[in-house]
Amino acid sequence: RSEVMLQVRTAGPPDALFPAIRSAVRELDPDVPLYQAMTMHRSLEQAVFAQRIGATLLSVFGALALTLAAVGLYSVMSYAVSRRTHEMGIRLALRASPGELRRMVVASGMKVAGLGLAIGAAGAAGVSQLLTSLLNGVSPTDPLTFGAVLLTLAAVAFIAALVPARRASTVDPIVALRYE
């Protein structure tokens, strides 16, 4: 059994030509069935539907992973800051500026995030060859994409560390010294 595909270029709306094409095919051979008449736009949509669903799912799961990473880093930083409340109070009592405390807390958070980014980038470079079939128009080790992802993750880590850092810099030294 053979199949024939007929493509017609039109200047007007393509859907309006379907009846004329059907009647022309019936005139040539009434036994030839004509099915799946569709526009090229619709045909292309069907051709990339599976890839589009896959890309959407990967995007949703990526956003979820980014959210979980931000919440996790925020939680760890908040816990670390709460454990060091006494130290923060002492530092403030000894005339450390709130800005110095913020920088100290953010720096410790970014050290952890930097280590995670380095390990993650190395792992991603190793695994990226497995994703080649899912990438259209982007090489698996595209430096621009890797850089954009690393910058996004670093920005999320910075924001997740900045919130507890700001809270640490507003600790009342008297309350912090009584904390333990």
C-alpha atoms as a PDB file:
ATOM      1  CA  ARG A   1       0.000   0.000   0.000  1.00  0.00           C
ATOM      2  CA  SER A   2       1.427   3.376  -0.912  1.00  0.00           C
ATOM      3  CA  GLU A   3       0.590   6.804   0.384  1.00  0.00           C
ATOM      4  CA  VAL A   4       0.760  10.065  -1.491  1.00  0.00           C
ATOM      5  CA  MET A   5       1.059  13.454   0.094  1.00  0.00           C
ATOM      6  CA  LEU A   6      -0.301  16.439  -1.749  1.00  0.00           C
ATOM      7  CA  GLN A   7       0.885  19.897  -0.776  1.00  0.00           C
ATOM      8  CA  VAL A   8      -0.704  23.026  -2.164  1.00  0.00           C
ATOM      9  CA  ARG A   9       0.600  26.570  -1.805  1.00  0.00           C
ATOM     10  CA  THR A  10      -2.057  29.236  -1.547  1.00  0.00           C
ATOM     11  CA  ALA A  11      -2.148  32.984  -1.210  1.00  0.00           C
ATOM     12  CA  GLY A  12      -5.451  32.949   0.668  1.00  0.00           C
ATOM     13  CA  PRO A  13      -6.718  31.052   3.697  1.00  0.00           C
ATOM     14  CA  PRO A  14      -5.723  27.380   3.250  1.00  0.00           C
ATOM     15  CA  ASP A  15      -8.881  25.952   4.862  1.00  0.00           C
ATOM     16  CA  ALA A  16     -10.996  27.492   2.084  1.00  0.00           C
ATOM     17  CA  LEU A  17      -9.241  25.345  -0.539  1.00  0.00           C
ATOM     18  CA  PHE A  18     -10.057  21.945   1.036  1.00  0.00           C
ATOM     19  CA  PRO A  19     -13.421  21.506  -0.771  1.00  0.00           C
ATOM     20  CA  ALA A  20     -11.876  22.450  -4.131  1.00  0.00           C
ATOM     21  CA  ILE A  21      -8.971  20.038  -3.623  1.00  0.00           C
ATOM     22  CA  ARG A  22     -11.346  17.218  -2.622  1.00  0.00           C
ATOM     23  CA  SER A  23     -13.468  17.721  -5.743  1.00  0.00           C
ATOM     24  CA  ALA A  24     -10.357  17.877  -7.982  1.00  0.00           C
ATOM     25  CA  VAL A  25      -9.062  14.577  -6.543  1.00  0.00           C
ATOM     26  CA  ARG A  26     -12.521  12.956  -6.991  1.00  0.00           C
ATOM     27  CA  GLU A  27     -12.580  14.089 -10.636  1.00  0.00           C
ATOM     28  CA  LEU A  28      -9.185  12.456 -11.260  1.00  0.00           C
ATOM     29  CA  ASP A  29      -9.980   9.187  -9.449  1.00  0.00           C
ATOM     30  CA  PRO A  30     -13.118   8.706  -7.338  1.00  0.00           C
ATOM     31  CA  ASP A  31     -11.592   5.616  -5.625  1.00  0.00           C
ATOM     32  CA  VAL A  32      -8.691   7.533  -4.090  1.00  0.00           C
ATOM     33  CA  PRO A  33      -9.451   8.338  -0.456  1.00  0.00           C
ATOM     34  CA  LEU A  34      -8.522  11.772   0.764  1.00  0.00           C
ATOM     35  CA  TYR A  35      -7.899  11.940   4.503  1.00  0.00           C
ATOM     36  CA  GLN A  36      -5.979  14.036   6.988  1.00  0.00           C
ATOM     37  CA  ALA A  37      -6.392  17.253   5.046  1.00  0.00           C
ATOM     38  CA  MET A  38      -4.677  19.914   7.104  1.00  0.00           C
ATOM     39  CA  THR A  39      -2.685  23.084   6.851  1.00  0.00           C
ATOM     40  CA  MET A  40       1.110  23.001   6.973  1.00  0.00           C
ATOM     41  CA  HIS A  41       0.971  24.862  10.269  1.00  0.00           C
ATOM     42  CA  ARG A  42      -1.216  22.125  11.780  1.00  0.00           C
ATOM     43  CA  SER A  43       1.029  19.420  10.311  1.00  0.00           C
ATOM     44  CA  LEU A  44       4.115  21.001  11.883  1.00  0.00           C
ATOM     45  CA  GLU A  45       2.319  21.318  15.214  1.00  0.00           C
ATOM     46  CA  GLN A  46       1.562  17.585  15.154  1.00  0.00           C
ATOM     47  CA  ALA A  47       5.138  16.756  14.179  1.00  0.00           C
ATOM     48  CA  VAL A  48       6.655  18.570  17.178  1.00  0.00           C
ATOM     49  CA  PHE A  49       3.887  17.863  19.703  1.00  0.00           C
ATOM     50  CA  ALA A  50       5.834  15.188  21.600  1.00  0.00           C
ATOM     51  CA  GLN A  51       8.968  17.343  21.785  1.00  0.00           C
ATOM     52  CA  ARG A  52       6.898  20.317  22.947  1.00  0.00           C
ATOM     53  CA  ILE A  53       5.288  18.271  25.736  1.00  0.00           C
ATOM     54  CA  GLY A  54       8.707  16.946  26.761  1.00  0.00           C
ATOM     55  CA  ALA A  55      10.185  20.451  26.808  1.00  0.00           C
ATOM     56  CA  THR A  56       7.247  21.754  28.842  1.00  0.00           C
ATOM     57  CA  LEU A  57       7.606  18.956  31.384  1.00  0.00           C
ATOM     58  CA  LEU A  58      11.356  19.518  31.636  1.00  0.00           C
ATOM     59  CA  SER A  59      10.743  23.235  32.156  1.00  0.00           C
ATOM     60  CA  VAL A  60       8.182  22.604  34.894  1.00  0.00           C
ATOM     61  CA  PHE A  61      10.440  20.105  36.655  1.00  0.00           C
ATOM     62  CA  GLY A  62      13.404  22.464  36.255  1.00  0.00           C
ATOM     63  CA  ALA A  63      11.450  25.317  37.838  1.00  0.00           C
ATOM     64  CA  LEU A  64      10.377  22.986  40.642  1.00  0.00           C
ATOM     65  CA  ALA A  65      13.989  21.905  41.199  1.00  0.00           C
ATOM     66  CA  LEU A  66      15.120  25.540  41.254  1.00  0.00           C
ATOM     67  CA  THR A  67      12.415  26.365  43.803  1.00  0.00           C
ATOM     68  CA  LEU A  68      13.389  23.400  45.970  1.00  0.00           C
ATOM     69  CA  ALA A  69      17.049  24.406  45.790  1.00  0.00           C
ATOM     70  CA  ALA A  70      16.209  27.976  46.824  1.00  0.00           C
ATOM     71  CA  VAL A  71      14.012  26.826  49.712  1.00  0.00           C
ATOM     72  CA  GLY A  72      16.661  24.315  50.795  1.00  0.00           C
ATOM     73  CA  LEU A  73      19.459  26.861  50.758  1.00  0.00           C
ATOM     74  CA  TYR A  74      17.285  29.397  52.541  1.00  0.00           C
ATOM     75  CA  SER A  75      16.405  26.808  55.199  1.00  0.00           C
ATOM     76  CA  VAL A  76      20.013  25.795  55.759  1.00  0.00           C
ATOM     77  CA  MET A  77      21.146  29.414  55.929  1.00  0.00           C
ATOM     78  CA  SER A  78      18.326  30.336  58.314  1.00  0.00           C
ATOM     79  CA  TYR A  79      19.219  27.432  60.557  1.00  0.00           C
ATOM     80  CA  ALA A  80      22.929  28.319  60.476  1.00  0.00           C
ATOM     81  CA  VAL A  81      22.141  31.949  61.316  1.00  0.00           C
ATOM     82  CA  SER A  82      19.814  30.958  64.159  1.00  0.00           C
ATOM     83  CA  ARG A  83      22.548  28.739  65.605  1.00  0.00           C
ATOM     84  CA  ARG A  84      24.969  31.679  65.499  1.00  0.00           C
ATOM     85  CA  THR A  85      22.643  34.258  67.052  1.00  0.00           C
ATOM     86  CA  HIS A  86      24.822  34.496  70.158  1.00  0.00           C
ATOM     87  CA  GLU A  87      27.913  35.082  68.002  1.00  0.00           C
ATOM     88  CA  MET A  88      26.070  37.716  65.978  1.00  0.00           C
ATOM     89  CA  GLY A  89      25.100  39.505  69.190  1.00  0.00           C
ATOM     90  CA  ILE A  90      28.703  39.502  70.382  1.00  0.00           C
ATOM     91  CA  ARG A  91      29.929  40.819  67.043  1.00  0.00           C
ATOM     92  CA  LEU A  92      27.316  43.593  67.108  1.00  0.00           C
ATOM     93  CA  ALA A  93      28.179  44.397  70.738  1.00  0.00           C
ATOM     94  CA  LEU A  94      31.839  44.679  69.703  1.00  0.00           C
ATOM     95  CA  ARG A  95      30.852  47.275  67.111  1.00  0.00           C
ATOM     96  CA  ALA A  96      30.649  45.106  63.987  1.00  0.00           C
ATOM     97  CA  SER A  97      28.470  46.854  61.452  1.00  0.00           C
ATOM     98  CA  PRO A  98      25.269  45.231  60.180  1.00  0.00           C
ATOM     99  CA  GLY A  99      26.787  45.344  56.688  1.00  0.00           C
ATOM    100  CA  GLU A 100      29.762  43.277  57.863  1.00  0.00           C
ATOM    101  CA  LEU A 101      27.405  40.680  59.329  1.00  0.00           C
ATOM    102  CA  ARG A 102      25.400  40.554  56.103  1.00  0.00           C
ATOM    103  CA  ARG A 103      28.568  40.102  54.053  1.00  0.00           C
ATOM    104  CA  MET A 104      29.784  37.362  56.402  1.00  0.00           C
ATOM    105  CA  VAL A 105      26.528  35.394  56.219  1.00  0.00           C
ATOM    106  CA  VAL A 106      26.136  35.832  52.444  1.00  0.00           C
ATOM    107  CA  ALA A 107      29.779  34.869  51.890  1.00  0.00           C
ATOM    108  CA  SER A 108      29.363  31.641  53.853  1.00  0.00           C
ATOM    109  CA  GLY A 109      26.209  30.829  51.896  1.00  0.00           C
ATOM    110  CA  MET A 110      27.864  31.587  48.581  1.00  0.00           C
ATOM    111  CA  LYS A 111      30.840  29.362  49.437  1.00  0.00           C
ATOM    112  CA  VAL A 112      28.478  26.422  49.852  1.00  0.00           C
ATOM    113  CA  ALA A 113      26.539  27.414  46.729  1.00  0.00           C
ATOM    114  CA  GLY A 114      29.774  27.840  44.748  1.00  0.00           C
ATOM    115  CA  LEU A 115      30.894  24.355  45.695  1.00  0.00           C
ATOM    116  CA  GLY A 116      27.499  22.994  44.677  1.00  0.00           C
ATOM    117  CA  LEU A 117      27.598  24.916  41.383  1.00  0.00           C
ATOM    118  CA  ALA A 118      31.073  23.566  40.576  1.00  0.00           C
ATOM    119  CA  ILE A 119      30.047  19.978  41.298  1.00  0.00           C
ATOM    120  CA  GLY A 120      26.765  20.444  39.426  1.00  0.00           C
ATOM    121  CA  ALA A 121      28.463  21.986  36.374  1.00  0.00           C
ATOM    122  CA  ALA A 122      30.933  19.114  36.181  1.00  0.00           C
ATOM    123  CA  GLY A 123      28.102  16.589  36.488  1.00  0.00           C
ATOM    124  CA  ALA A 124      26.001  18.430  33.909  1.00  0.00           C
ATOM    125  CA  ALA A 125      28.896  18.510  31.440  1.00  0.00           C
ATOM    126  CA  GLY A 126      29.280  14.753  31.854  1.00  0.00           C
ATOM    127  CA  VAL A 127      25.576  13.963  31.510  1.00  0.00           C
ATOM    128  CA  SER A 128      24.789  16.502  28.774  1.00  0.00           C
ATOM    129  CA  GLN A 129      25.616  14.063  25.977  1.00  0.00           C
ATOM    130  CA  LEU A 130      22.618  11.978  27.048  1.00  0.00           C
ATOM    131  CA  LEU A 131      20.325  14.941  26.352  1.00  0.00           C
ATOM    132  CA  THR A 132      21.512  15.562  22.795  1.00  0.00           C
ATOM    133  CA  SER A 133      18.297  14.201  21.265  1.00  0.00           C
ATOM    134  CA  LEU A 134      16.193  16.652  23.309  1.00  0.00           C
ATOM    135  CA  LEU A 135      18.120  19.749  22.278  1.00  0.00           C
ATOM    136  CA  ASN A 136      17.173  21.552  19.068  1.00  0.00           C
ATOM    137  CA  GLY A 137      19.572  24.214  17.877  1.00  0.00           C
ATOM    138  CA  VAL A 138      21.743  24.099  21.013  1.00  0.00           C
ATOM    139  CA  SER A 139      24.862  22.004  21.460  1.00  0.00           C
ATOM    140  CA  PRO A 140      24.943  19.905  24.651  1.00  0.00           C
ATOM    141  CA  THR A 141      27.921  21.857  25.991  1.00  0.00           C
ATOM    142  CA  ASP A 142      26.902  25.327  24.815  1.00  0.00           C
ATOM    143  CA  PRO A 143      28.915  27.763  26.961  1.00  0.00           C
ATOM    144  CA  LEU A 144      26.249  30.476  26.777  1.00  0.00           C
ATOM    145  CA  THR A 145      23.565  28.113  28.101  1.00  0.00           C
ATOM    146  CA  PHE A 146      25.852  26.735  30.812  1.00  0.00           C
ATOM    147  CA  GLY A 147      26.809  30.272  31.822  1.00  0.00           C
ATOM    148  CA  ALA A 148      23.197  31.460  31.924  1.00  0.00           C
ATOM    149  CA  VAL A 149      22.161  28.497  34.067  1.00  0.00           C
ATOM    150  CA  LEU A 150      25.097  28.978  36.448  1.00  0.00           C
ATOM    151  CA  LEU A 151      24.341  32.705  36.768  1.00  0.00           C
ATOM    152  CA  THR A 152      20.665  31.992  37.429  1.00  0.00           C
ATOM    153  CA  LEU A 153      21.500  29.437  40.108  1.00  0.00           C
ATOM    154  CA  ALA A 154      24.077  31.763  41.669  1.00  0.00           C
ATOM    155  CA  ALA A 155      21.512  34.588  41.759  1.00  0.00           C
ATOM    156  CA  VAL A 156      18.952  32.319  43.415  1.00  0.00           C
ATOM    157  CA  ALA A 157      21.571  31.218  45.953  1.00  0.00           C
ATOM    158  CA  PHE A 158      22.507  34.845  46.631  1.00  0.00           C
ATOM    159  CA  ILE A 159      18.890  35.833  47.259  1.00  0.00           C
ATOM    160  CA  ALA A 160      18.313  32.743  49.414  1.00  0.00           C
ATOM    161  CA  ALA A 161      21.366  33.670  51.523  1.00  0.00           C
ATOM    162  CA  LEU A 162      20.554  37.390  51.648  1.00  0.00           C
ATOM    163  CA  VAL A 163      17.236  36.983  53.474  1.00  0.00           C
ATOM    164  CA  PRO A 164      18.722  35.323  56.608  1.00  0.00           C
ATOM    165  CA  ALA A 165      21.729  37.641  56.347  1.00  0.00           C
ATOM    166  CA  ARG A 166      19.470  40.682  56.583  1.00  0.00           C
ATOM    167  CA  ARG A 167      17.698  39.145  59.543  1.00  0.00           C
ATOM    168  CA  ALA A 168      21.054  38.427  61.226  1.00  0.00           C
ATOM    169  CA  SER A 169      22.141  42.027  60.822  1.00  0.00           C
ATOM    170  CA  THR A 170      19.071  43.283  62.715  1.00  0.00           C
ATOM    171  CA  VAL A 171      19.654  41.144  65.805  1.00  0.00           C
ATOM    172  CA  ASP A 172      19.496  43.137  69.026  1.00  0.00           C
ATOM    173  CA  PRO A 173      22.833  42.466  70.806  1.00  0.00           C
ATOM    174  CA  ILE A 174      21.184  42.383  74.266  1.00  0.00           C
ATOM    175  CA  VAL A 175      18.588  39.815  73.188  1.00  0.00           C
ATOM    176  CA  ALA A 176      21.204  37.766  71.344  1.00  0.00           C
ATOM    177  CA  LEU A 177      23.490  37.679  74.380  1.00  0.00           C
ATOM    178  CA  ARG A 178      20.608  36.427  76.544  1.00  0.00           C
ATOM    179  CA  TYR A 179      19.667  33.886  73.864  1.00  0.00           C
ATOM    180  CA  GLU A 180      21.681  30.989  75.301  1.00  0.00           C
END
